[in-house]
Structures are given as C-alpha cells and as structure tokens.
Amino acid sequence: QVQLVESGGGLVEPGGSLRLSCAASGIMLKAYTMHWYRQGPGKQRELIANIFSDGVSYYDDSVKGRFTVSRDDVKNTMYLQMNSLKPEDTAVYYCNAVYKTQNLWGQGTQVTVSS
C-alpha cells in the first residue's frame, strides 16, 4: 500500500523545537521531490520547504534559518526539524511526494505553538 504517514506534531512553547517525520511505504522517497506544506487556522495551505531527489532543499522565507528538511533513504523517511518556533507556526503540517504523475499526501499532523 502506497502511503505517507506524518508524526511528531504536538504542543510546544514559543522558542521550542519539534521534529516532524514523514514515513513512506510503497514508494522510494529518494526518487521523489518531497515537500512540506502547512495550513494555519483560516489560511490557505502553503509550501514551506522541499527536498529534491538530489538532496537540494528549498525554504520559504517564513521558515528559513529555523527549519531544516532532511531525508533518510535507509528509513525511507523525510524529516522537518523545526527550531525557534513561533505562535504563527501553528498549523497542520502535511508532507507531499511528487514523481511524474504521482502526487501523494499524508494525513497531516497538528503543531500548536503556545504558552
């Protein structure tokens, strides 16, 4: 079964850190362009980071310098290390895998940044 499963979300205080995981089954992540999106309350889903099959990564300005995307090809898992979290980072975070005509989404994981 082809699927992406996110985990690692939760409640964290401002300035804290979380690491999100996106575990893949049925596909090899290293062949895909992988993305992290998020959708905050009342907002549209936005692209915040991606990592290409060659390992090159991209970050939106809103997270640049605070978030790091990585991929473990042995574990077939993508990660998003989130540091210096802010209340405006509160959102449901989704991973997305794209390759040719395939466009796969995980179910999302909630991140809440609040004191």
C-alpha atoms as a PDB file:
ATOM      1  CA  GLN A   1       0.000   0.000   0.000  1.00  0.00           C
ATOM      2  CA  VAL A   2       1.347   3.396  -1.005  1.00  0.00           C
ATOM      3  CA  GLN A   3       1.078   5.918   1.774  1.00  0.00           C
ATOM      4  CA  LEU A   4       2.750   8.750   3.626  1.00  0.00           C
ATOM      5  CA  VAL A   5       2.332   8.993   7.390  1.00  0.00           C
ATOM      6  CA  GLU A   6       3.304  12.111   9.316  1.00  0.00           C
ATOM      7  CA  SER A   7       4.105  12.133  13.014  1.00  0.00           C
ATOM      8  CA  GLY A   8       5.822  14.294  15.602  1.00  0.00           C
ATOM      9  CA  GLY A   9       3.368  17.144  15.977  1.00  0.00           C
ATOM     10  CA  GLY A  10       2.192  18.468  19.294  1.00  0.00           C
ATOM     11  CA  LEU A  11       2.016  21.424  21.644  1.00  0.00           C
ATOM     12  CA  VAL A  12       5.207  23.401  22.210  1.00  0.00           C
ATOM     13  CA  GLU A  13       6.021  26.732  23.806  1.00  0.00           C
ATOM     14  CA  PRO A  14       7.355  29.642  21.742  1.00  0.00           C
ATOM     15  CA  GLY A  15      11.059  29.196  21.163  1.00  0.00           C
ATOM     16  CA  GLY A  16      10.801  25.427  21.397  1.00  0.00           C
ATOM     17  CA  SER A  17      11.559  22.725  18.871  1.00  0.00           C
ATOM     18  CA  LEU A  18       9.815  19.799  17.228  1.00  0.00           C
ATOM     19  CA  ARG A  19      10.825  17.265  14.627  1.00  0.00           C
ATOM     20  CA  LEU A  20       8.211  16.042  12.197  1.00  0.00           C
ATOM     21  CA  SER A  21       8.560  12.759  10.341  1.00  0.00           C
ATOM     22  CA  CYS A  22       7.017  11.609   7.091  1.00  0.00           C
ATOM     23  CA  ALA A  23       7.359   7.868   6.700  1.00  0.00           C
ATOM     24  CA  ALA A  24       6.732   6.387   3.277  1.00  0.00           C
ATOM     25  CA  SER A  25       5.595   2.917   2.326  1.00  0.00           C
ATOM     26  CA  GLY A  26       5.162   1.505  -1.140  1.00  0.00           C
ATOM     27  CA  ILE A  27       7.474   4.082  -2.727  1.00  0.00           C
ATOM     28  CA  MET A  28      11.137   5.033  -2.517  1.00  0.00           C
ATOM     29  CA  LEU A  29      11.308   8.605  -1.276  1.00  0.00           C
ATOM     30  CA  LYS A  30      14.708   9.275  -2.820  1.00  0.00           C
ATOM     31  CA  ALA A  31      13.134   9.178  -6.295  1.00  0.00           C
ATOM     32  CA  TYR A  32      10.555  11.826  -5.403  1.00  0.00           C
ATOM     33  CA  THR A  33      10.508  15.539  -4.930  1.00  0.00           C
ATOM     34  CA  MET A  34       9.297  15.884  -1.360  1.00  0.00           C
ATOM     35  CA  HIS A  35       7.505  18.872   0.097  1.00  0.00           C
ATOM     36  CA  TRP A  36       6.333  20.113   3.463  1.00  0.00           C
ATOM     37  CA  TYR A  37       3.192  22.218   3.439  1.00  0.00           C
ATOM     38  CA  ARG A  38       1.257  23.744   6.287  1.00  0.00           C
ATOM     39  CA  GLN A  39      -2.211  25.156   6.722  1.00  0.00           C
ATOM     40  CA  GLY A  40      -2.830  27.548   9.596  1.00  0.00           C
ATOM     41  CA  PRO A  41      -6.252  28.408  11.018  1.00  0.00           C
ATOM     42  CA  GLY A  42      -8.248  30.296   8.417  1.00  0.00           C
ATOM     43  CA  LYS A  43      -5.357  30.230   5.946  1.00  0.00           C
ATOM     44  CA  GLN A  44      -4.598  28.531   2.675  1.00  0.00           C
ATOM     45  CA  ARG A  45      -2.171  25.645   2.518  1.00  0.00           C
ATOM     46  CA  GLU A  46       1.326  26.959   1.849  1.00  0.00           C
ATOM     47  CA  LEU A  47       4.583  25.368   0.742  1.00  0.00           C
ATOM     48  CA  ILE A  48       7.320  25.893   3.310  1.00  0.00           C
ATOM     49  CA  ALA A  49      10.116  23.519   2.333  1.00  0.00           C
ATOM     50  CA  ASN A  50      11.086  20.857  -0.129  1.00  0.00           C
ATOM     51  CA  ILE A  51      13.901  18.488  -0.904  1.00  0.00           C
ATOM     52  CA  PHE A  52      14.687  17.207  -4.355  1.00  0.00           C
ATOM     53  CA  SER A  53      15.898  13.722  -5.240  1.00  0.00           C
ATOM     54  CA  ASP A  54      19.466  15.038  -5.436  1.00  0.00           C
ATOM     55  CA  GLY A  55      19.194  16.380  -1.887  1.00  0.00           C
ATOM     56  CA  VAL A  56      18.921  20.069  -2.746  1.00  0.00           C
ATOM     57  CA  SER A  57      16.462  21.822  -0.470  1.00  0.00           C
ATOM     58  CA  TYR A  58      14.377  24.979  -0.590  1.00  0.00           C
ATOM     59  CA  TYR A  59      12.778  27.032   2.183  1.00  0.00           C
ATOM     60  CA  ASP A  60      10.150  29.701   2.284  1.00  0.00           C
ATOM     61  CA  ASP A  61      11.359  32.947   3.846  1.00  0.00           C
ATOM     62  CA  SER A  62       8.969  32.462   6.766  1.00  0.00           C
ATOM     63  CA  VAL A  63      10.940  29.407   7.980  1.00  0.00           C
ATOM     64  CA  LYS A  64      14.401  29.938   6.511  1.00  0.00           C
ATOM     65  CA  GLY A  65      17.091  29.652   9.162  1.00  0.00           C
ATOM     66  CA  ARG A  66      14.733  27.965  11.634  1.00  0.00           C
ATOM     67  CA  PHE A  67      13.535  24.825   9.837  1.00  0.00           C
ATOM     68  CA  THR A  68      15.629  22.099   8.221  1.00  0.00           C
ATOM     69  CA  VAL A  69      14.353  19.417   5.862  1.00  0.00           C
ATOM     70  CA  SER A  70      16.214  16.147   5.511  1.00  0.00           C
ATOM     71  CA  ARG A  71      15.715  12.647   4.183  1.00  0.00           C
ATOM     72  CA  ASP A  72      16.894   9.266   5.438  1.00  0.00           C
ATOM     73  CA  ASP A  73      16.960   6.925   2.466  1.00  0.00           C
ATOM     74  CA  VAL A  74      17.525   3.854   4.647  1.00  0.00           C
ATOM     75  CA  LYS A  75      14.481   4.569   6.784  1.00  0.00           C
ATOM     76  CA  ASN A  76      12.587   5.922   3.748  1.00  0.00           C
ATOM     77  CA  THR A  77      11.555   8.882   5.844  1.00  0.00           C
ATOM     78  CA  MET A  78      11.641  12.650   5.449  1.00  0.00           C
ATOM     79  CA  TYR A  79      12.046  14.967   8.409  1.00  0.00           C
ATOM     80  CA  LEU A  80      11.369  18.585   9.250  1.00  0.00           C
ATOM     81  CA  GLN A  81      13.391  19.887  12.171  1.00  0.00           C
ATOM     82  CA  MET A  82      11.662  22.988  13.492  1.00  0.00           C
ATOM     83  CA  ASN A  83      13.535  25.291  15.869  1.00  0.00           C
ATOM     84  CA  SER A  84      12.729  28.686  17.383  1.00  0.00           C
ATOM     85  CA  LEU A  85       9.044  28.028  16.900  1.00  0.00           C
ATOM     86  CA  LYS A  86       6.649  30.967  16.895  1.00  0.00           C
ATOM     87  CA  PRO A  87       2.892  31.135  17.505  1.00  0.00           C
ATOM     88  CA  GLU A  88       2.431  31.874  13.802  1.00  0.00           C
ATOM     89  CA  ASP A  89       3.902  28.447  13.019  1.00  0.00           C
ATOM     90  CA  THR A  90       0.722  26.897  14.431  1.00  0.00           C
ATOM     91  CA  ALA A  91      -0.782  24.806  11.643  1.00  0.00           C
ATOM     92  CA  VAL A  92      -1.469  21.345  10.342  1.00  0.00           C
ATOM     93  CA  TYR A  93       1.686  20.172   8.595  1.00  0.00           C
ATOM     94  CA  TYR A  94       1.488  17.898   5.553  1.00  0.00           C
ATOM     95  CA  CYS A  95       4.113  16.022   3.597  1.00  0.00           C
ATOM     96  CA  ASN A  96       3.747  15.594  -0.149  1.00  0.00           C
ATOM     97  CA  ALA A  97       5.582  13.388  -2.629  1.00  0.00           C
ATOM     98  CA  VAL A  98       5.642  14.109  -6.351  1.00  0.00           C
ATOM     99  CA  TYR A  99       7.066  11.985  -9.161  1.00  0.00           C
ATOM    100  CA  LYS A 100       5.819  12.158 -12.753  1.00  0.00           C
ATOM    101  CA  THR A 101       2.028  11.718 -12.454  1.00  0.00           C
ATOM    102  CA  GLN A 102       2.070  10.658  -8.808  1.00  0.00           C
ATOM    103  CA  ASN A 103       1.081  13.252  -6.221  1.00  0.00           C
ATOM    104  CA  LEU A 104       0.823  11.748  -2.741  1.00  0.00           C
ATOM    105  CA  TRP A 105      -0.254  13.382   0.525  1.00  0.00           C
ATOM    106  CA  GLY A 106      -0.061  12.399   4.142  1.00  0.00           C
ATOM    107  CA  GLN A 107      -2.901  12.896   6.589  1.00  0.00           C
ATOM    108  CA  GLY A 108      -1.282  15.832   8.379  1.00  0.00           C
ATOM    109  CA  THR A 109      -0.013  16.422  11.887  1.00  0.00           C
ATOM    110  CA  GLN A 110      -1.031  19.305  14.144  1.00  0.00           C
ATOM    111  CA  VAL A 111       1.594  21.672  15.503  1.00  0.00           C
ATOM    112  CA  THR A 112       0.485  24.187  18.100  1.00  0.00           C
ATOM    113  CA  VAL A 113       2.882  26.834  19.407  1.00  0.00           C
ATOM    114  CA  SER A 114       1.504  28.469  22.521  1.00  0.00           C
ATOM    115  CA  SER A 115       2.466  29.394  26.055  1.00  0.00           C
END
